[in-house]
Amino acid sequence: MGLLTRRAAPALLTALLLLAPAGCGYGSQAKDDDTAPIAAGAQKIDGLDTVRIGYFANLTHATALVGNRQGFIQKALGATKARYATFNAGPSAIEALNAGSLDIGWIGPSPAINGYTKSGGTNLRIIGGAASGGVKLVVDPEKIKTLDDVKGKKIATPQLGNTQDVAFLHWAARRGWQVDAPSGRGEVTVVRSDNKVTPDAYKSRSIDGAWVPEPTASKIVALGGRVLLDEKTLWPGGAFVVTNIVVSQKFLARHPRVVEAVLKASVATNQWMKDHPVRARRAANQQLATDAGKALPRPILETAWQSVDFTDDPLAATLRTQAAHAAQTGLLQHPDLSGIYDLTLLNKVLKAAGQRPVDDASLGVRQPPR
């Protein structure tokens, strides 16, 4: 199934297959972490030795960071070993999933959409939510004082065609500004810049602002930037998907009990983070230090954390909207997302926890409950 328009295909063929999730454009290597302890006397689920779990060293993946650090995931899996791999970019996670070296992963909406459509709907399912929000337009207050001042300026986004890039292009178009999506040239200049170097680009004044996720946005604020727009204000209720949980379709078919255990751990972790926000921030930052080699400074951590909402709901309707925005900007043809969700196990877990079921916006597989 083709994703690119003919007009944009030459410039976007590689880029759209290398979409990074929100705030995760940090390279393409995975770092293995299989140090989580197994409780004495624990039993393997279905006799399975290992489940391979991937996530990104980023606050929008805090459910996985905390679930790993606090042992929620391993506890739910019993003696089935949770072997973690931290990825630095969406492409490597999708490649690992496709190659069978990753079973379950926390990942952003753009890689999920592209991975699913590129495979003809055969490689993954979205099985749960993880995070919403945490994306801001941060600008140089000396150059940009109002939204209208953005016109004619240089604004960074993480990657051509990624979630924030699409959001900014769509927002600019709604303001009536003409921008050539592949090149980023127009009445506002879009500079595709890796999140890890964007704060330095701002510091050197080579960009005038950035539409970026946390903690990049808070890093720029710490350098003197100002939040001009929080993307939450553009969405009904302030909610939009930033991170999902996905699973290989083959693994889901073969090991649904293992998948259910990971979802139980995710729901338990999100609840624990809500009940213990200070401890959760500390745990996430400790795991960031382990995975990325450096913890976030406390002021940046606290500011960034407050702007991200952690949720079990994958906010399926907003995924559909994001795909439509990509099509409207000319980056994608209208993709067929039918069957991208399977929320059967998540809703089973939520019901057992006394919580309400979540909706797949009519994009889910239709099958009897397991």
Protein backbone atom coordinates (compact mmCIF):
# COMPACT_ATOMS: atom_id res chain seq x y z
CA MET A 1 0.00 0.00 0.00
CA GLY A 2 1.58 3.28 -1.06
CA LEU A 3 1.92 6.00 1.55
CA LEU A 4 3.39 8.79 -0.51
CA THR A 5 1.91 11.12 -3.03
CA ARG A 6 3.75 11.21 -6.35
CA ARG A 7 4.62 14.84 -5.76
CA ALA A 8 6.36 14.13 -2.48
CA ALA A 9 7.70 10.63 -3.11
CA PRO A 10 11.32 11.42 -4.07
CA ALA A 11 11.97 13.50 -0.96
CA LEU A 12 9.93 11.46 1.47
CA LEU A 13 10.46 7.82 0.53
CA THR A 14 13.19 7.35 3.10
CA ALA A 15 11.97 9.84 5.66
CA LEU A 16 8.46 8.52 6.09
CA LEU A 17 9.80 5.02 6.65
CA LEU A 18 12.08 6.45 9.33
CA LEU A 19 9.55 8.27 11.44
CA ALA A 20 10.43 8.67 15.06
CA PRO A 21 7.83 8.79 17.79
CA ALA A 22 7.24 11.91 19.77
CA GLY A 23 10.46 13.11 21.32
CA CYS A 24 12.42 10.04 20.27
CA GLY A 25 14.68 11.05 17.43
CA TYR A 26 17.88 9.92 19.10
CA GLY A 27 19.53 7.55 16.62
CA SER A 28 18.87 3.97 15.66
CA GLN A 29 20.62 1.67 18.11
CA ALA A 30 19.04 -0.50 20.79
CA LYS A 31 20.53 -0.97 24.23
CA ASP A 32 19.77 -4.29 25.90
CA ASP A 33 18.77 -4.37 29.55
CA ASP A 34 17.90 -7.75 31.06
CA THR A 35 18.78 -7.08 34.68
CA ALA A 36 15.26 -7.09 36.16
CA PRO A 37 14.99 -9.64 38.99
CA ILE A 38 12.61 -12.60 39.00
CA ALA A 39 10.84 -13.39 42.25
CA ALA A 40 11.65 -16.68 43.93
CA GLY A 41 9.09 -19.36 43.15
CA ALA A 42 7.62 -17.49 40.18
CA GLN A 43 6.27 -19.49 37.26
CA LYS A 44 6.68 -18.91 33.53
CA ILE A 45 3.57 -17.89 31.61
CA ASP A 46 2.74 -20.62 29.10
CA GLY A 47 6.28 -21.88 29.58
CA LEU A 48 7.70 -18.90 27.71
CA ASP A 49 11.28 -18.08 28.68
CA THR A 50 11.56 -14.47 27.51
CA VAL A 51 9.49 -11.58 26.21
CA ARG A 52 11.38 -8.80 24.42
CA ILE A 53 10.12 -5.34 25.33
CA GLY A 54 11.20 -2.08 23.75
CA TYR A 55 10.79 1.57 24.70
CA PHE A 56 12.56 4.91 24.39
CA ALA A 57 14.64 6.77 26.94
CA ASN A 58 12.15 9.62 27.04
CA LEU A 59 9.54 10.96 29.45
CA THR A 60 6.68 10.25 27.05
CA HIS A 61 7.60 6.58 27.63
CA ALA A 62 7.59 6.94 31.40
CA THR A 63 5.16 4.05 31.86
CA ALA A 64 7.81 1.70 30.51
CA LEU A 65 10.63 3.49 32.34
CA VAL A 66 8.84 3.24 35.69
CA GLY A 67 7.40 -0.21 34.97
CA ASN A 68 10.93 -1.44 34.41
CA ARG A 69 12.56 0.45 37.28
CA GLN A 70 9.96 -0.47 39.88
CA GLY A 71 9.63 -4.06 38.68
CA PHE A 72 5.91 -3.91 37.82
CA ILE A 73 6.41 -5.55 34.43
CA GLN A 74 8.64 -8.36 35.65
CA LYS A 75 6.33 -9.07 38.59
CA ALA A 76 3.37 -9.48 36.24
CA LEU A 77 5.37 -11.83 34.00
CA GLY A 78 6.41 -14.16 36.80
CA ALA A 79 9.39 -16.25 35.68
CA THR A 80 9.00 -15.26 32.05
CA LYS A 81 11.97 -12.94 31.71
CA ALA A 82 11.36 -9.35 30.59
CA ARG A 83 14.30 -8.49 28.38
CA TYR A 84 14.35 -4.78 27.65
CA ALA A 85 15.82 -2.91 24.73
CA THR A 86 15.90 0.87 24.70
CA PHE A 87 15.69 2.32 21.21
CA ASN A 88 16.75 5.73 20.06
CA ALA A 89 14.47 6.10 17.04
CA GLY A 90 11.21 4.79 15.62
CA PRO A 91 12.75 3.04 12.61
CA SER A 92 14.87 0.66 14.68
CA ALA A 93 11.88 -0.33 16.82
CA ILE A 94 9.71 -1.03 13.77
CA GLU A 95 12.57 -2.92 12.12
CA ALA A 96 13.06 -5.00 15.26
CA LEU A 97 9.33 -5.75 15.42
CA ASN A 98 9.29 -6.76 11.77
CA ALA A 99 12.41 -8.90 12.19
CA GLY A 100 10.94 -10.73 15.17
CA SER A 101 13.55 -9.45 17.63
CA LEU A 102 10.99 -7.29 19.48
CA ASP A 103 7.67 -8.57 20.78
CA ILE A 104 6.05 -5.59 22.52
CA GLY A 105 6.98 -1.93 22.42
CA TRP A 106 6.08 1.57 23.52
CA ILE A 107 6.07 3.69 20.37
CA GLY A 108 4.61 6.89 18.92
CA PRO A 109 1.67 7.24 16.53
CA SER A 110 3.58 8.02 13.33
CA PRO A 111 5.78 4.89 13.37
CA ALA A 112 2.73 2.80 14.27
CA ILE A 113 0.72 4.21 11.36
CA ASN A 114 3.56 3.82 8.89
CA GLY A 115 4.61 0.39 10.09
CA TYR A 116 1.04 -0.87 9.91
CA THR A 117 0.21 0.55 6.49
CA LYS A 118 3.57 -0.32 4.96
CA SER A 119 3.05 -3.97 5.94
CA GLY A 120 -0.48 -4.00 4.59
CA GLY A 121 -1.81 -4.31 8.12
CA THR A 122 0.09 -7.49 8.98
CA ASN A 123 2.90 -6.58 11.35
CA LEU A 124 1.48 -4.96 14.49
CA ARG A 125 -1.51 -4.06 16.60
CA ILE A 126 -1.92 -1.15 18.96
CA ILE A 127 -3.03 -2.75 22.21
CA GLY A 128 -2.97 0.11 24.68
CA GLY A 129 -2.24 3.72 25.44
CA ALA A 130 0.58 5.26 27.42
CA ALA A 131 0.85 9.03 27.10
CA SER A 132 -0.90 12.14 25.84
CA GLY A 133 0.27 15.72 25.44
CA GLY A 134 3.68 17.08 26.27
CA VAL A 135 4.19 18.93 22.96
CA LYS A 136 4.76 22.70 22.73
CA LEU A 137 5.70 25.50 20.39
CA VAL A 138 8.62 27.17 22.17
CA VAL A 139 10.06 30.38 20.72
CA ASP A 140 12.63 33.12 21.12
CA PRO A 141 10.65 35.81 22.97
CA GLU A 142 12.76 38.56 21.45
CA LYS A 143 11.82 37.55 17.90
CA ILE A 144 8.34 36.07 18.36
CA LYS A 145 5.81 37.69 20.66
CA THR A 146 2.52 36.55 19.07
CA LEU A 147 1.34 33.62 16.97
CA ASP A 148 1.31 35.87 13.90
CA ASP A 149 5.02 36.56 14.43
CA VAL A 150 5.80 32.92 13.61
CA LYS A 151 5.31 33.76 9.92
CA GLY A 152 8.66 34.27 8.24
CA LYS A 153 10.62 32.58 11.04
CA LYS A 154 12.61 29.34 11.28
CA ILE A 155 10.84 26.69 13.37
CA ALA A 156 12.35 23.32 14.15
CA THR A 157 10.48 20.02 14.20
CA PRO A 158 12.06 16.66 15.09
CA GLN A 159 11.91 14.95 11.69
CA LEU A 160 10.34 15.19 8.26
CA GLY A 161 6.87 13.68 8.52
CA ASN A 162 7.04 12.81 12.21
CA THR A 163 4.16 13.51 14.57
CA GLN A 164 5.25 17.03 15.53
CA ASP A 165 6.25 17.89 11.96
CA VAL A 166 2.76 16.99 10.75
CA ALA A 167 1.17 18.92 13.61
CA PHE A 168 3.14 22.08 12.87
CA LEU A 169 2.55 21.91 9.10
CA HIS A 170 -1.17 21.42 9.67
CA TRP A 171 -1.30 24.30 12.16
CA ALA A 172 0.58 26.60 9.76
CA ALA A 173 -1.75 25.66 6.89
CA ARG A 174 -4.78 26.49 9.01
CA ARG A 175 -3.32 29.94 9.56
CA GLY A 176 -3.17 30.34 5.79
CA TRP A 177 0.60 30.07 5.40
CA GLN A 178 2.00 28.27 2.38
CA VAL A 179 4.77 25.77 3.11
CA ASP A 180 6.24 23.12 0.80
CA ALA A 181 6.14 20.09 3.08
CA PRO A 182 9.08 18.09 1.66
CA SER A 183 11.55 20.99 1.63
CA GLY A 184 10.15 22.96 4.57
CA ARG A 185 10.38 26.18 2.57
CA GLY A 186 7.61 28.72 2.46
CA GLU A 187 6.03 31.53 4.44
CA VAL A 188 7.48 29.87 7.51
CA THR A 189 10.65 27.78 7.29
CA VAL A 190 10.52 24.30 8.83
CA VAL A 191 13.91 23.09 10.01
CA ARG A 192 14.04 19.33 10.64
CA SER A 193 16.33 18.96 13.64
CA ASP A 194 17.06 15.98 15.88
CA ASN A 195 15.65 16.63 19.35
CA LYS A 196 19.03 16.07 20.97
CA VAL A 197 20.59 18.98 19.05
CA THR A 198 17.58 21.33 18.85
CA PRO A 199 18.36 23.10 22.17
CA ASP A 200 21.88 23.84 20.88
CA ALA A 201 20.41 25.12 17.61
CA TYR A 202 18.19 27.43 19.63
CA LYS A 203 21.12 28.55 21.78
CA SER A 204 23.14 29.40 18.65
CA ARG A 205 20.11 31.32 17.29
CA SER A 206 20.07 29.26 14.11
CA ILE A 207 16.36 28.64 14.73
CA ASP A 208 13.71 30.99 16.11
CA GLY A 209 11.66 28.33 17.84
CA ALA A 210 10.60 24.70 17.81
CA TRP A 211 7.45 22.56 17.85
CA VAL A 212 8.76 19.75 20.04
CA PRO A 213 7.86 17.25 22.74
CA GLU A 214 9.11 17.04 26.27
CA PRO A 215 11.71 17.25 27.61
CA THR A 216 13.10 19.15 24.59
CA ALA A 217 10.57 21.95 25.06
CA SER A 218 11.56 22.46 28.70
CA LYS A 219 15.25 22.38 27.79
CA ILE A 220 14.66 25.29 25.40
CA VAL A 221 12.69 27.16 28.05
CA ALA A 222 15.66 26.73 30.39
CA LEU A 223 17.74 28.50 27.73
CA GLY A 224 15.41 31.49 27.74
CA GLY A 225 12.70 30.32 25.38
CA ARG A 226 9.01 30.90 25.97
CA VAL A 227 6.07 28.56 25.46
CA LEU A 228 3.95 30.29 22.83
CA LEU A 229 1.49 27.42 22.29
CA ASP A 230 0.75 24.14 24.03
CA GLU A 231 -0.57 21.64 21.50
CA LYS A 232 -3.08 20.47 24.09
CA THR A 233 -5.08 23.62 23.39
CA LEU A 234 -5.68 22.46 19.81
CA TRP A 235 -7.37 19.20 20.80
CA PRO A 236 -10.83 18.63 22.31
CA GLY A 237 -10.34 18.04 26.00
CA GLY A 238 -6.62 18.63 25.60
CA ALA A 239 -5.95 14.96 24.83
CA PHE A 240 -4.05 13.49 21.87
CA VAL A 241 -1.95 10.37 21.54
CA VAL A 242 1.81 10.65 21.90
CA THR A 243 2.76 7.09 22.90
CA ASN A 244 1.02 3.75 22.31
CA ILE A 245 1.78 0.15 23.23
CA VAL A 246 2.14 -2.09 20.19
CA VAL A 247 2.69 -5.81 19.78
CA SER A 248 3.73 -8.09 16.98
CA GLN A 249 0.61 -9.74 15.57
CA LYS A 250 2.40 -13.11 15.59
CA PHE A 251 3.33 -12.75 19.24
CA LEU A 252 -0.19 -11.66 20.17
CA ALA A 253 -1.67 -14.72 18.47
CA ARG A 254 0.79 -17.11 20.11
CA HIS A 255 1.09 -15.61 23.60
CA PRO A 256 -2.02 -13.63 24.55
CA ARG A 257 -1.53 -14.39 28.26
CA VAL A 258 1.93 -12.83 28.18
CA VAL A 259 0.55 -9.76 26.40
CA GLU A 260 -2.21 -9.54 28.99
CA ALA A 261 0.39 -9.66 31.77
CA VAL A 262 2.31 -6.74 30.24
CA LEU A 263 -0.93 -4.77 29.94
CA LYS A 264 -1.76 -5.51 33.59
CA ALA A 265 1.66 -4.15 34.51
CA SER A 266 1.14 -1.05 32.36
CA VAL A 267 -2.22 -0.28 33.97
CA ALA A 268 -0.77 -0.89 37.44
CA THR A 269 2.23 1.33 36.66
CA ASN A 270 0.06 4.21 35.41
CA GLN A 271 -2.04 4.00 38.55
CA TRP A 272 1.06 3.95 40.76
CA MET A 273 2.46 7.00 38.94
CA LYS A 274 -0.78 8.87 39.60
CA ASP A 275 -0.74 7.87 43.26
CA HIS A 276 2.97 8.57 43.78
CA PRO A 277 3.99 11.38 41.39
CA VAL A 278 7.18 12.36 43.21
CA ARG A 279 8.45 8.80 43.46
CA ALA A 280 7.40 8.18 39.86
CA ARG A 281 9.42 11.13 38.58
CA ARG A 282 12.41 9.93 40.55
CA ALA A 283 12.07 6.37 39.23
CA ALA A 284 11.71 7.55 35.64
CA ASN A 285 14.77 9.77 35.93
CA GLN A 286 16.81 6.98 37.50
CA GLN A 287 15.92 4.71 34.61
CA LEU A 288 16.71 7.51 32.15
CA ALA A 289 20.16 7.75 33.71
CA THR A 290 20.61 4.00 33.22
CA ASP A 291 19.27 3.90 29.69
CA ALA A 292 20.52 7.21 28.28
CA GLY A 293 23.57 7.71 30.47
CA LYS A 294 22.33 11.00 31.88
CA ALA A 295 19.50 12.06 34.14
CA LEU A 296 17.50 15.23 33.57
CA PRO A 297 18.15 18.24 35.82
CA ARG A 298 15.44 18.47 38.45
CA PRO A 299 13.81 21.74 37.21
CA ILE A 300 13.54 20.40 33.65
CA LEU A 301 12.26 17.04 34.87
CA GLU A 302 9.51 18.57 37.00
CA THR A 303 8.36 21.03 34.33
CA ALA A 304 8.36 18.43 31.57
CA TRP A 305 6.60 15.81 33.70
CA GLN A 306 3.69 18.11 34.47
CA SER A 307 2.85 18.55 30.78
CA VAL A 308 2.58 14.84 29.97
CA ASP A 309 -0.60 12.93 30.81
CA PHE A 310 -0.23 9.20 31.35
CA THR A 311 -3.22 7.18 30.24
CA ASP A 312 -4.28 3.62 29.47
CA ASP A 313 -6.56 4.96 26.73
CA PRO A 314 -4.85 4.91 23.30
CA LEU A 315 -7.06 7.84 22.23
CA ALA A 316 -7.85 6.13 18.95
CA ALA A 317 -9.92 8.96 17.51
CA THR A 318 -6.90 11.26 17.71
CA LEU A 319 -4.75 8.75 15.82
CA ARG A 320 -7.30 8.87 13.01
CA THR A 321 -7.16 12.67 13.10
CA GLN A 322 -3.37 12.71 13.02
CA ALA A 323 -3.37 10.47 9.96
CA ALA A 324 -5.87 12.83 8.31
CA HIS A 325 -3.64 15.80 9.11
CA ALA A 326 -0.69 14.04 7.43
CA ALA A 327 -2.81 13.47 4.33
CA GLN A 328 -3.96 17.09 4.32
CA THR A 329 -0.37 18.35 4.40
CA GLY A 330 0.48 16.14 1.42
CA LEU A 331 2.85 13.89 3.35
CA LEU A 332 0.63 10.81 3.16
CA GLN A 333 -2.15 9.41 1.12
CA HIS A 334 -5.18 8.59 3.26
CA PRO A 335 -4.04 5.36 4.97
CA ASP A 336 -6.34 2.46 5.73
CA LEU A 337 -6.09 2.00 9.49
CA SER A 338 -8.82 -0.63 9.78
CA GLY A 339 -7.77 -3.25 12.29
CA ILE A 340 -4.79 -1.36 13.68
CA TYR A 341 -6.21 -1.70 17.21
CA ASP A 342 -6.93 -4.75 19.30
CA LEU A 343 -8.09 -3.52 22.69
CA THR A 344 -9.67 -6.81 23.76
CA LEU A 345 -7.06 -7.65 26.38
CA LEU A 346 -6.72 -4.08 27.63
CA ASN A 347 -10.45 -3.82 28.23
CA LYS A 348 -10.37 -7.17 30.01
CA VAL A 349 -7.63 -5.84 32.30
CA LEU A 350 -9.45 -2.55 32.86
CA LYS A 351 -12.67 -4.36 33.73
CA ALA A 352 -10.86 -6.52 36.28
CA ALA A 353 -9.41 -3.34 37.79
CA GLY A 354 -12.87 -1.77 38.05
CA GLN A 355 -12.17 0.77 35.32
CA ARG A 356 -14.12 1.74 32.23
CA PRO A 357 -13.36 0.19 28.85
CA VAL A 358 -11.68 2.29 26.15
CA ASP A 359 -12.77 2.79 22.54
CA ASP A 360 -10.98 1.92 19.29
CA ALA A 361 -12.82 4.53 17.17
CA SER A 362 -14.02 1.73 14.88
CA LEU A 363 -10.42 0.96 13.92
CA GLY A 364 -10.16 -2.30 15.83
CA VAL A 365 -10.20 -5.93 14.81
CA ARG A 366 -13.56 -7.58 15.20
CA GLN A 367 -13.28 -10.83 17.10
CA PRO A 368 -14.90 -12.62 20.02
CA PRO A 369 -13.37 -11.97 23.48
CA ARG A 370 -10.51 -14.27 24.38
